């Protein structure tokens, strides 16, 4: 049999900021400049029936719910970092940034 162990509860102060935020504040911003992150945009969505989905053919158009004049969100993970308009640059889609989200 093992001997009894004395257990003492310790009360901790409530943290006022997250550990990650404290570390981030202490980092030199120049360290972060070379880090690459993946950015994504979501230009819209549409609901269609399974029947329509199964009968889609080349040339058909699925209309999305986003008006062409609406600003598109630029995302890092699930965080919106900027908004802008969808453009085509040298045959590739791009985003012309019109607003940076703080």
PDB file of N, CA and C in Angstrom:
ATOM      1  N   UNK A   1       0.818  -1.186   0.000  1.00  0.00           N
ATOM      2  CA  UNK A   1       0.000   0.000   0.000  1.00  0.00           C
ATOM      3  C   UNK A   1       0.862   1.249   0.000  1.00  0.00           C
ATOM      4  N   UNK A   2       0.374   2.288  -0.636  1.00  0.00           N
ATOM      5  CA  UNK A   2       1.143   3.527  -0.661  1.00  0.00           C
ATOM      6  C   UNK A   2       0.775   4.408   0.521  1.00  0.00           C
ATOM      7  N   UNK A   3       1.695   5.266   0.851  1.00  0.00           N
ATOM      8  CA  UNK A   3       1.465   6.169   1.975  1.00  0.00           C
ATOM      9  C   UNK A   3       0.552   7.312   1.541  1.00  0.00           C
ATOM     10  N   UNK A   4      -0.213   7.877   2.500  1.00  0.00           N
ATOM     11  CA  UNK A   4      -1.074   9.007   2.152  1.00  0.00           C
ATOM     12  C   UNK A   4      -0.242  10.199   1.677  1.00  0.00           C
ATOM     13  N   UNK A   5      -0.781  10.913   0.719  1.00  0.00           N
ATOM     14  CA  UNK A   5      -0.106  12.084   0.164  1.00  0.00           C
ATOM     15  C   UNK A   5      -0.933  13.305   0.501  1.00  0.00           C
ATOM     16  N   UNK A   6      -0.257  14.340   0.952  1.00  0.00           N
ATOM     17  CA  UNK A   6      -0.959  15.577   1.273  1.00  0.00           C
ATOM     18  C   UNK A   6      -1.091  16.408  -0.001  1.00  0.00           C
ATOM     19  N   UNK A   7      -2.315  16.824  -0.290  1.00  0.00           N
ATOM     20  CA  UNK A   7      -2.589  17.624  -1.478  1.00  0.00           C
ATOM     21  C   UNK A   7      -3.054  18.995  -1.022  1.00  0.00           C
ATOM     22  N   UNK A   8      -2.456  20.016  -1.621  1.00  0.00           N
ATOM     23  CA  UNK A   8      -2.814  21.381  -1.262  1.00  0.00           C
ATOM     24  C   UNK A   8      -3.318  22.103  -2.512  1.00  0.00           C
ATOM     25  N   UNK A   9      -4.479  22.723  -2.422  1.00  0.00           N
ATOM     26  CA  UNK A   9      -5.015  23.487  -3.550  1.00  0.00           C
ATOM     27  C   UNK A   9      -4.376  24.865  -3.572  1.00  0.00           C
ATOM     28  N   UNK A  10      -4.041  25.308  -4.757  1.00  0.00           N
ATOM     29  CA  UNK A  10      -3.427  26.617  -4.924  1.00  0.00           C
ATOM     30  C   UNK A  10      -4.392  27.480  -5.713  1.00  0.00           C
ATOM     31  N   UNK A  11      -4.652  28.681  -5.226  1.00  0.00           N
ATOM     32  CA  UNK A  11      -5.513  29.602  -5.963  1.00  0.00           C
ATOM     33  C   UNK A  11      -4.656  30.460  -6.859  1.00  0.00           C
ATOM     34  N   UNK A  12      -4.991  30.475  -8.143  1.00  0.00           N
ATOM     35  CA  UNK A  12      -4.235  31.270  -9.104  1.00  0.00           C
ATOM     36  C   UNK A  12      -4.997  32.539  -9.450  1.00  0.00           C
ATOM     37  N   UNK A  13      -4.247  33.596  -9.722  1.00  0.00           N
ATOM     38  CA  UNK A  13      -4.886  34.818 -10.176  1.00  0.00           C
ATOM     39  C   UNK A  13      -5.440  34.589 -11.572  1.00  0.00           C
ATOM     40  N   UNK A  14      -6.544  35.253 -11.874  1.00  0.00           N
ATOM     41  CA  UNK A  14      -7.130  35.135 -13.200  1.00  0.00           C
ATOM     42  C   UNK A  14      -6.234  35.869 -14.185  1.00  0.00           C
ATOM     43  N   UNK A  15      -5.929  35.218 -15.281  1.00  0.00           N
ATOM     44  CA  UNK A  15      -5.074  35.840 -16.287  1.00  0.00           C
ATOM     45  C   UNK A  15      -5.833  36.959 -16.981  1.00  0.00           C
ATOM     46  N   UNK A  16      -5.174  38.088 -17.153  1.00  0.00           N
ATOM     47  CA  UNK A  16      -5.819  39.224 -17.806  1.00  0.00           C
ATOM     48  C   UNK A  16      -5.580  39.232 -19.304  1.00  0.00           C
ATOM     49  N   UNK A  17      -4.565  38.540 -19.762  1.00  0.00           N
ATOM     50  CA  UNK A  17      -4.330  38.429 -21.192  1.00  0.00           C
ATOM     51  C   UNK A  17      -3.810  37.027 -21.496  1.00  0.00           C
ATOM     52  N   UNK A  18      -4.007  36.613 -22.708  1.00  0.00           N
ATOM     53  CA  UNK A  18      -3.588  35.278 -23.100  1.00  0.00           C
ATOM     54  C   UNK A  18      -2.072  35.218 -23.249  1.00  0.00           C
ATOM     55  N   UNK A  19      -1.517  34.058 -22.992  1.00  0.00           N
ATOM     56  CA  UNK A  19      -0.076  33.856 -23.093  1.00  0.00           C
ATOM     57  C   UNK A  19       0.422  34.213 -24.487  1.00  0.00           C
ATOM     58  N   UNK A  20      -0.292  33.784 -25.503  1.00  0.00           N
ATOM     59  CA  UNK A  20       0.117  34.079 -26.879  1.00  0.00           C
ATOM     60  C   UNK A  20       0.194  35.568 -27.149  1.00  0.00           C
ATOM     61  N   UNK A  21      -0.737  36.335 -26.588  1.00  0.00           N
ATOM     62  CA  UNK A  21      -0.723  37.786 -26.773  1.00  0.00           C
ATOM     63  C   UNK A  21       0.501  38.392 -26.106  1.00  0.00           C
ATOM     64  N   UNK A  22       0.875  37.910 -24.933  1.00  0.00           N
ATOM     65  CA  UNK A  22       2.057  38.430 -24.238  1.00  0.00           C
ATOM     66  C   UNK A  22       3.322  38.149 -25.039  1.00  0.00           C
ATOM     67  N   UNK A  23       3.420  36.929 -25.571  1.00  0.00           N
ATOM     68  CA  UNK A  23       4.588  36.567 -26.364  1.00  0.00           C
ATOM     69  C   UNK A  23       4.634  37.411 -27.632  1.00  0.00           C
ATOM     70  N   UNK A  24       3.488  37.588 -28.287  1.00  0.00           N
ATOM     71  CA  UNK A  24       3.430  38.352 -29.530  1.00  0.00           C
ATOM     72  C   UNK A  24       3.877  39.800 -29.302  1.00  0.00           C
ATOM     73  N   UNK A  25       3.477  40.388 -28.188  1.00  0.00           N
ATOM     74  CA  UNK A  25       3.857  41.772 -27.888  1.00  0.00           C
ATOM     75  C   UNK A  25       5.359  41.909 -27.711  1.00  0.00           C
ATOM     76  N   UNK A  26       6.039  40.854 -27.278  1.00  0.00           N
ATOM     77  CA  UNK A  26       7.472  40.908 -27.022  1.00  0.00           C
ATOM     78  C   UNK A  26       8.299  40.595 -28.270  1.00  0.00           C
ATOM     79  N   UNK A  27       7.664  40.073 -29.315  1.00  0.00           N
ATOM     80  CA  UNK A  27       8.399  39.707 -30.521  1.00  0.00           C
ATOM     81  C   UNK A  27       8.807  40.940 -31.314  1.00  0.00           C
ATOM     82  N   UNK A  28       9.943  40.857 -31.929  1.00  0.00           N
ATOM     83  CA  UNK A  28      10.387  41.886 -32.852  1.00  0.00           C
ATOM     84  C   UNK A  28       9.593  41.691 -34.149  1.00  0.00           C
ATOM     85  N   UNK A  29       8.855  42.703 -34.622  1.00  0.00           N
ATOM     86  CA  UNK A  29       8.044  42.544 -35.840  1.00  0.00           C
ATOM     87  C   UNK A  29       8.851  42.105 -37.051  1.00  0.00           C
ATOM     88  N   UNK A  30      10.136  42.409 -37.091  1.00  0.00           N
ATOM     89  CA  UNK A  30      10.971  42.007 -38.233  1.00  0.00           C
ATOM     90  C   UNK A  30      11.098  40.497 -38.334  1.00  0.00           C
ATOM     91  N   UNK A  31      10.966  39.792 -37.218  1.00  0.00           N
ATOM     92  CA  UNK A  31      11.044  38.337 -37.225  1.00  0.00           C
ATOM     93  C   UNK A  31       9.875  37.752 -38.028  1.00  0.00           C
ATOM     94  N   UNK A  32       8.721  38.400 -37.961  1.00  0.00           N
ATOM     95  CA  UNK A  32       7.512  37.885 -38.596  1.00  0.00           C
ATOM     96  C   UNK A  32       7.456  38.151 -40.100  1.00  0.00           C
ATOM     97  N   UNK A  33       8.226  39.100 -40.592  1.00  0.00           N
ATOM     98  CA  UNK A  33       8.116  39.525 -41.992  1.00  0.00           C
ATOM     99  C   UNK A  33       8.366  38.408 -42.996  1.00  0.00           C
ATOM    100  N   UNK A  34       9.220  37.460 -42.700  1.00  0.00           N
ATOM    101  CA  UNK A  34       9.542  36.395 -43.645  1.00  0.00           C
ATOM    102  C   UNK A  34       8.606  35.198 -43.587  1.00  0.00           C
ATOM    103  N   UNK A  35       7.688  35.191 -42.643  1.00  0.00           N
ATOM    104  CA  UNK A  35       6.769  34.062 -42.503  1.00  0.00           C
ATOM    105  C   UNK A  35       5.665  34.158 -43.545  1.00  0.00           C
ATOM    106  N   UNK A  36       5.430  33.077 -44.264  1.00  0.00           N
ATOM    107  CA  UNK A  36       4.363  33.049 -45.264  1.00  0.00           C
ATOM    108  C   UNK A  36       3.099  32.458 -44.653  1.00  0.00           C
ATOM    109  N   UNK A  37       1.960  33.056 -44.989  1.00  0.00           N
ATOM    110  CA  UNK A  37       0.664  32.545 -44.556  1.00  0.00           C
ATOM    111  C   UNK A  37      -0.201  32.354 -45.789  1.00  0.00           C
ATOM    112  N   UNK A  38      -1.112  31.407 -45.713  1.00  0.00           N
ATOM    113  CA  UNK A  38      -2.031  31.180 -46.820  1.00  0.00           C
ATOM    114  C   UNK A  38      -3.231  32.099 -46.654  1.00  0.00           C
ATOM    115  N   UNK A  39      -3.562  32.832 -47.714  1.00  0.00           N
ATOM    116  CA  UNK A  39      -4.751  33.680 -47.702  1.00  0.00           C
ATOM    117  C   UNK A  39      -5.770  33.093 -48.668  1.00  0.00           C
ATOM    118  N   UNK A  40      -7.026  33.273 -48.335  1.00  0.00           N
ATOM    119  CA  UNK A  40      -8.106  32.738 -49.170  1.00  0.00           C
ATOM    120  C   UNK A  40      -9.190  33.791 -49.318  1.00  0.00           C
ATOM    121  N   UNK A  41      -9.985  33.641 -50.366  1.00  0.00           N
ATOM    122  CA  UNK A  41     -11.182  34.457 -50.508  1.00  0.00           C
ATOM    123  C   UNK A  41     -12.361  33.521 -50.736  1.00  0.00           C
ATOM    124  N   UNK A  42     -13.528  33.977 -50.342  1.00  0.00           N
ATOM    125  CA  UNK A  42     -14.751  33.225 -50.570  1.00  0.00           C
ATOM    126  C   UNK A  42     -15.664  34.138 -51.363  1.00  0.00           C
ATOM    127  N   UNK A  43     -15.902  33.787 -52.620  1.00  0.00           N
ATOM    128  CA  UNK A  43     -16.671  34.693 -53.472  1.00  0.00           C
ATOM    129  C   UNK A  43     -18.177  34.445 -53.436  1.00  0.00           C
ATOM    130  N   UNK A  44     -18.616  33.451 -52.710  1.00  0.00           N
ATOM    131  CA  UNK A  44     -20.050  33.236 -52.591  1.00  0.00           C
ATOM    132  C   UNK A  44     -20.419  31.773 -52.492  1.00  0.00           C
ATOM    133  N   UNK A  45     -21.708  31.541 -52.420  1.00  0.00           N
ATOM    134  CA  UNK A  45     -22.204  30.169 -52.354  1.00  0.00           C
ATOM    135  C   UNK A  45     -23.580  30.109 -53.007  1.00  0.00           C
ATOM    136  N   UNK A  46     -24.038  28.903 -53.221  1.00  0.00           N
ATOM    137  CA  UNK A  46     -25.362  28.678 -53.808  1.00  0.00           C
ATOM    138  C   UNK A  46     -25.898  27.356 -53.277  1.00  0.00           C
ATOM    139  N   UNK A  47     -27.191  27.282 -53.117  1.00  0.00           N
ATOM    140  CA  UNK A  47     -27.834  26.022 -52.754  1.00  0.00           C
ATOM    141  C   UNK A  47     -28.541  25.491 -53.989  1.00  0.00           C
ATOM    142  N   UNK A  48     -28.199  24.249 -54.319  1.00  0.00           N
ATOM    143  CA  UNK A  48     -28.866  23.596 -55.444  1.00  0.00           C
ATOM    144  C   UNK A  48     -29.278  22.200 -55.002  1.00  0.00           C
ATOM    145  N   UNK A  49     -30.256  21.676 -55.669  1.00  0.00           N
ATOM    146  CA  UNK A  49     -30.739  20.343 -55.314  1.00  0.00           C
ATOM    147  C   UNK A  49     -29.731  19.287 -55.768  1.00  0.00           C
ATOM    148  N   UNK A  50     -29.794  18.138 -55.137  1.00  0.00           N
ATOM    149  CA  UNK A  50     -28.940  17.022 -55.531  1.00  0.00           C
ATOM    150  C   UNK A  50     -29.248  16.639 -56.974  1.00  0.00           C
ATOM    151  N   UNK A  51     -30.517  16.719 -57.346  1.00  0.00           N
ATOM    152  CA  UNK A  51     -30.904  16.387 -58.727  1.00  0.00           C
ATOM    153  C   UNK A  51     -30.185  17.304 -59.719  1.00  0.00           C
ATOM    154  N   UNK A  52     -30.180  18.617 -59.429  1.00  0.00           N
ATOM    155  CA  UNK A  52     -29.497  19.559 -60.327  1.00  0.00           C
ATOM    156  C   UNK A  52     -27.997  19.297 -60.324  1.00  0.00           C
ATOM    157  N   UNK A  53     -27.453  19.040 -59.152  1.00  0.00           N
ATOM    158  CA  UNK A  53     -26.030  18.756 -59.040  1.00  0.00           C
ATOM    159  C   UNK A  53     -25.641  17.558 -59.905  1.00  0.00           C
ATOM    160  N   UNK A  54     -26.476  16.532 -59.883  1.00  0.00           N
ATOM    161  CA  UNK A  54     -26.181  15.312 -60.631  1.00  0.00           C
ATOM    162  C   UNK A  54     -26.335  15.496 -62.135  1.00  0.00           C
ATOM    163  N   UNK A  55     -27.066  16.533 -62.548  1.00  0.00           N
ATOM    164  CA  UNK A  55     -27.291  16.726 -63.984  1.00  0.00           C
ATOM    165  C   UNK A  55     -26.523  17.926 -64.545  1.00  0.00           C
ATOM    166  N   UNK A  56     -25.611  18.499 -63.747  1.00  0.00           N
ATOM    167  CA  UNK A  56     -24.809  19.609 -64.258  1.00  0.00           C
ATOM    168  C   UNK A  56     -24.010  19.161 -65.466  1.00  0.00           C
ATOM    169  N   UNK A  57     -23.918  20.032 -66.442  1.00  0.00           N
ATOM    170  CA  UNK A  57     -23.112  19.710 -67.609  1.00  0.00           C
ATOM    171  C   UNK A  57     -22.268  20.915 -67.998  1.00  0.00           C
ATOM    172  N   UNK A  58     -21.308  20.663 -68.832  1.00  0.00           N
ATOM    173  CA  UNK A  58     -20.379  21.703 -69.264  1.00  0.00           C
ATOM    174  C   UNK A  58     -21.148  22.892 -69.836  1.00  0.00           C
ATOM    175  N   UNK A  59     -20.750  24.084 -69.401  1.00  0.00           N
ATOM    176  CA  UNK A  59     -21.366  25.306 -69.921  1.00  0.00           C
ATOM    177  C   UNK A  59     -22.482  25.867 -69.060  1.00  0.00           C
ATOM    178  N   UNK A  60     -23.029  25.041 -68.152  1.00  0.00           N
ATOM    179  CA  UNK A  60     -24.083  25.555 -67.277  1.00  0.00           C
ATOM    180  C   UNK A  60     -23.489  26.529 -66.277  1.00  0.00           C
ATOM    181  N   UNK A  61     -24.320  27.431 -65.805  1.00  0.00           N
ATOM    182  CA  UNK A  61     -23.878  28.441 -64.847  1.00  0.00           C
ATOM    183  C   UNK A  61     -24.606  28.219 -63.528  1.00  0.00           C
ATOM    184  N   UNK A  62     -23.840  28.221 -62.452  1.00  0.00           N
ATOM    185  CA  UNK A  62     -24.411  28.175 -61.104  1.00  0.00           C
ATOM    186  C   UNK A  62     -24.215  29.575 -60.528  1.00  0.00           C
ATOM    187  N   UNK A  63     -25.318  30.290 -60.344  1.00  0.00           N
ATOM    188  CA  UNK A  63     -25.253  31.658 -59.848  1.00  0.00           C
ATOM    189  C   UNK A  63     -25.019  31.661 -58.346  1.00  0.00           C
ATOM    190  N   UNK A  64     -24.043  32.450 -57.908  1.00  0.00           N
ATOM    191  CA  UNK A  64     -23.728  32.564 -56.491  1.00  0.00           C
ATOM    192  C   UNK A  64     -24.548  33.687 -55.855  1.00  0.00           C
ATOM    193  N   UNK A  65     -24.588  33.692 -54.536  1.00  0.00           N
ATOM    194  CA  UNK A  65     -25.408  34.661 -53.812  1.00  0.00           C
ATOM    195  C   UNK A  65     -24.744  36.020 -53.610  1.00  0.00           C
ATOM    196  N   UNK A  66     -23.512  36.187 -54.063  1.00  0.00           N
ATOM    197  CA  UNK A  66     -22.790  37.435 -53.855  1.00  0.00           C
ATOM    198  C   UNK A  66     -22.887  38.314 -55.100  1.00  0.00           C
ATOM    199  N   UNK A  67     -23.404  39.544 -54.949  1.00  0.00           N
ATOM    200  CA  UNK A  67     -23.436  40.462 -56.104  1.00  0.00           C
ATOM    201  C   UNK A  67     -22.019  40.774 -56.574  1.00  0.00           C
ATOM    202  N   UNK A  68     -21.834  40.966 -57.866  1.00  0.00           N
ATOM    203  CA  UNK A  68     -20.498  41.205 -58.414  1.00  0.00           C
ATOM    204  C   UNK A  68     -19.893  42.501 -57.902  1.00  0.00           C
ATOM    205  N   UNK A  69     -20.705  43.431 -57.426  1.00  0.00           N
ATOM    206  CA  UNK A  69     -20.193  44.706 -56.932  1.00  0.00           C
ATOM    207  C   UNK A  69     -19.845  44.663 -55.438  1.00  0.00           C
ATOM    208  N   UNK A  70     -20.176  43.567 -54.760  1.00  0.00           N
ATOM    209  CA  UNK A  70     -19.933  43.467 -53.312  1.00  0.00           C
ATOM    210  C   UNK A  70     -18.460  43.195 -53.030  1.00  0.00           C
ATOM    211  N   UNK A  71     -17.952  43.809 -51.965  1.00  0.00           N
ATOM    212  CA  UNK A  71     -16.574  43.558 -51.559  1.00  0.00           C
ATOM    213  C   UNK A  71     -16.428  42.108 -51.106  1.00  0.00           C
ATOM    214  N   UNK A  72     -15.288  41.522 -51.444  1.00  0.00           N
ATOM    215  CA  UNK A  72     -14.967  40.135 -51.114  1.00  0.00           C
ATOM    216  C   UNK A  72     -13.994  40.137 -49.930  1.00  0.00           C
ATOM    217  N   UNK A  73     -14.166  39.204 -49.005  1.00  0.00           N
ATOM    218  CA  UNK A  73     -13.291  39.100 -47.832  1.00  0.00           C
ATOM    219  C   UNK A  73     -12.016  38.340 -48.162  1.00  0.00           C
ATOM    220  N   UNK A  74     -10.882  38.866 -47.704  1.00  0.00           N
ATOM    221  CA  UNK A  74      -9.599  38.179 -47.765  1.00  0.00           C
ATOM    222  C   UNK A  74      -9.362  37.595 -46.381  1.00  0.00           C
ATOM    223  N   UNK A  75      -9.163  36.276 -46.313  1.00  0.00           N
ATOM    224  CA  UNK A  75      -9.082  35.583 -45.030  1.00  0.00           C
ATOM    225  C   UNK A  75      -7.709  34.978 -44.789  1.00  0.00           C
ATOM    226  N   UNK A  76      -7.280  35.025 -43.537  1.00  0.00           N
ATOM    227  CA  UNK A  76      -6.152  34.236 -43.051  1.00  0.00           C
ATOM    228  C   UNK A  76      -6.778  33.330 -42.003  1.00  0.00           C
ATOM    229  N   UNK A  77      -6.834  32.048 -42.301  1.00  0.00           N
ATOM    230  CA  UNK A  77      -7.618  31.136 -41.452  1.00  0.00           C
ATOM    231  C   UNK A  77      -9.076  31.542 -41.584  1.00  0.00           C
ATOM    232  N   UNK A  78      -9.711  31.821 -40.464  1.00  0.00           N
ATOM    233  CA  UNK A  78     -11.103  32.273 -40.509  1.00  0.00           C
ATOM    234  C   UNK A  78     -11.208  33.770 -40.213  1.00  0.00           C
ATOM    235  N   UNK A  79     -10.067  34.449 -40.124  1.00  0.00           N
ATOM    236  CA  UNK A  79     -10.034  35.875 -39.765  1.00  0.00           C
ATOM    237  C   UNK A  79     -10.011  36.746 -41.018  1.00  0.00           C
ATOM    238  N   UNK A  80     -10.966  37.671 -41.128  1.00  0.00           N
ATOM    239  CA  UNK A  80     -10.985  38.622 -42.240  1.00  0.00           C
ATOM    240  C   UNK A  80      -9.896  39.662 -41.991  1.00  0.00           C
ATOM    241  N   UNK A  81      -8.977  39.826 -42.951  1.00  0.00           N
ATOM    242  CA  UNK A  81      -7.895  40.794 -42.802  1.00  0.00           C
ATOM    243  C   UNK A  81      -8.009  41.957 -43.779  1.00  0.00           C
ATOM    244  N   UNK A  82      -8.790  41.773 -44.846  1.00  0.00           N
ATOM    245  CA  UNK A  82      -8.975  42.845 -45.823  1.00  0.00           C
ATOM    246  C   UNK A  82     -10.230  42.548 -46.638  1.00  0.00           C
ATOM    247  N   UNK A  83     -10.698  43.588 -47.362  1.00  0.00           N
ATOM    248  CA  UNK A  83     -11.847  43.448 -48.257  1.00  0.00           C
ATOM    249  C   UNK A  83     -11.509  44.151 -49.561  1.00  0.00           C
ATOM    250  N   UNK A  84     -12.079  43.663 -50.649  1.00  0.00           N
ATOM    251  CA  UNK A  84     -11.810  44.291 -51.936  1.00  0.00           C
ATOM    252  C   UNK A  84     -12.669  43.705 -53.032  1.00  0.00           C
ATOM    253  N   UNK A  85     -12.318  44.062 -54.264  1.00  0.00           N
ATOM    254  CA  UNK A  85     -13.067  43.608 -55.427  1.00  0.00           C
ATOM    255  C   UNK A  85     -12.275  42.559 -56.190  1.00  0.00           C
ATOM    256  N   UNK A  86     -12.974  41.575 -56.722  1.00  0.00           N
ATOM    257  CA  UNK A  86     -12.368  40.515 -57.510  1.00  0.00           C
ATOM    258  C   UNK A  86     -11.921  41.094 -58.847  1.00  0.00           C
ATOM    259  N   UNK A  87     -10.677  40.815 -59.238  1.00  0.00           N
ATOM    260  CA  UNK A  87     -10.129  41.297 -60.505  1.00  0.00           C
ATOM    261  C   UNK A  87      -9.419  40.147 -61.207  1.00  0.00           C
ATOM    262  N   UNK A  88      -9.061  40.365 -62.473  1.00  0.00           N
ATOM    263  CA  UNK A  88      -8.258  39.404 -63.215  1.00  0.00           C
ATOM    264  C   UNK A  88      -6.946  40.093 -63.574  1.00  0.00           C
ATOM    265  N   UNK A  89      -5.821  39.457 -63.209  1.00  0.00           N
ATOM    266  CA  UNK A  89      -4.491  40.007 -63.457  1.00  0.00           C
ATOM    267  C   UNK A  89      -3.670  38.963 -64.196  1.00  0.00           C
ATOM    268  N   UNK A  90      -3.281  39.278 -65.418  1.00  0.00           N
ATOM    269  CA  UNK A  90      -2.478  38.351 -66.234  1.00  0.00           C
ATOM    270  C   UNK A  90      -3.111  36.957 -66.279  1.00  0.00           C
ATOM    271  N   UNK A  91      -4.418  36.901 -66.428  1.00  0.00           N
ATOM    272  CA  UNK A  91      -5.117  35.621 -66.541  1.00  0.00           C
ATOM    273  C   UNK A  91      -5.363  34.911 -65.224  1.00  0.00           C
ATOM    274  N   UNK A  92      -5.071  35.558 -64.102  1.00  0.00           N
ATOM    275  CA  UNK A  92      -5.290  34.976 -62.777  1.00  0.00           C
ATOM    276  C   UNK A  92      -6.223  35.870 -61.981  1.00  0.00           C
ATOM    277  N   UNK A  93      -7.050  35.231 -61.153  1.00  0.00           N
ATOM    278  CA  UNK A  93      -7.899  36.016 -60.269  1.00  0.00           C
ATOM    279  C   UNK A  93      -7.055  36.691 -59.203  1.00  0.00           C
ATOM    280  N   UNK A  94      -7.504  37.855 -58.781  1.00  0.00           N
ATOM    281  CA  UNK A  94      -6.824  38.585 -57.731  1.00  0.00           C
ATOM    282  C   UNK A  94      -7.849  39.382 -56.938  1.00  0.00           C
ATOM    283  N   UNK A  95      -7.371  40.079 -55.937  1.00  0.00           N
ATOM    284  CA  UNK A  95      -8.239  40.915 -55.108  1.00  0.00           C
ATOM    285  C   UNK A  95      -7.632  42.309 -55.040  1.00  0.00           C
ATOM    286  N   UNK A  96      -8.397  43.304 -55.496  1.00  0.00           N
ATOM    287  CA  UNK A  96      -7.960  44.681 -55.373  1.00  0.00           C
ATOM    288  C   UNK A  96      -8.425  45.173 -54.001  1.00  0.00           C
ATOM    289  N   UNK A  97      -7.491  45.341 -53.079  1.00  0.00           N
ATOM    290  CA  UNK A  97      -7.822  45.674 -51.709  1.00  0.00           C
ATOM    291  C   UNK A  97      -8.338  47.107 -51.625  1.00  0.00           C
ATOM    292  N   UNK A  98      -9.521  47.247 -51.014  1.00  0.00           N
ATOM    293  CA  UNK A  98     -10.103  48.571 -50.827  1.00  0.00           C
ATOM    294  C   UNK A  98     -10.243  48.926 -49.349  1.00  0.00           C
ATOM    295  N   UNK A  99     -10.034  47.929 -48.493  1.00  0.00           N
ATOM    296  CA  UNK A  99     -10.181  48.163 -47.053  1.00  0.00           C
ATOM    297  C   UNK A  99      -9.351  47.124 -46.293  1.00  0.00           C
ATOM    298  N   UNK A 100      -8.544  47.599 -45.349  1.00  0.00           N
ATOM    299  CA  UNK A 100      -7.798  46.705 -44.464  1.00  0.00           C
ATOM    300  C   UNK A 100      -8.527  46.668 -43.139  1.00  0.00           C
ATOM    301  N   UNK A 101      -8.840  45.469 -42.673  1.00  0.00           N
ATOM    302  CA  UNK A 101      -9.591  45.295 -41.433  1.00  0.00           C
ATOM    303  C   UNK A 101      -8.613  45.180 -40.278  1.00  0.00           C
ATOM    304  N   UNK A 102      -8.808  46.020 -39.273  1.00  0.00           N
ATOM    305  CA  UNK A 102      -7.892  46.024 -38.117  1.00  0.00           C
ATOM    306  C   UNK A 102      -8.103  44.846 -37.225  1.00  0.00           C
TER     307      UNK A 102
END
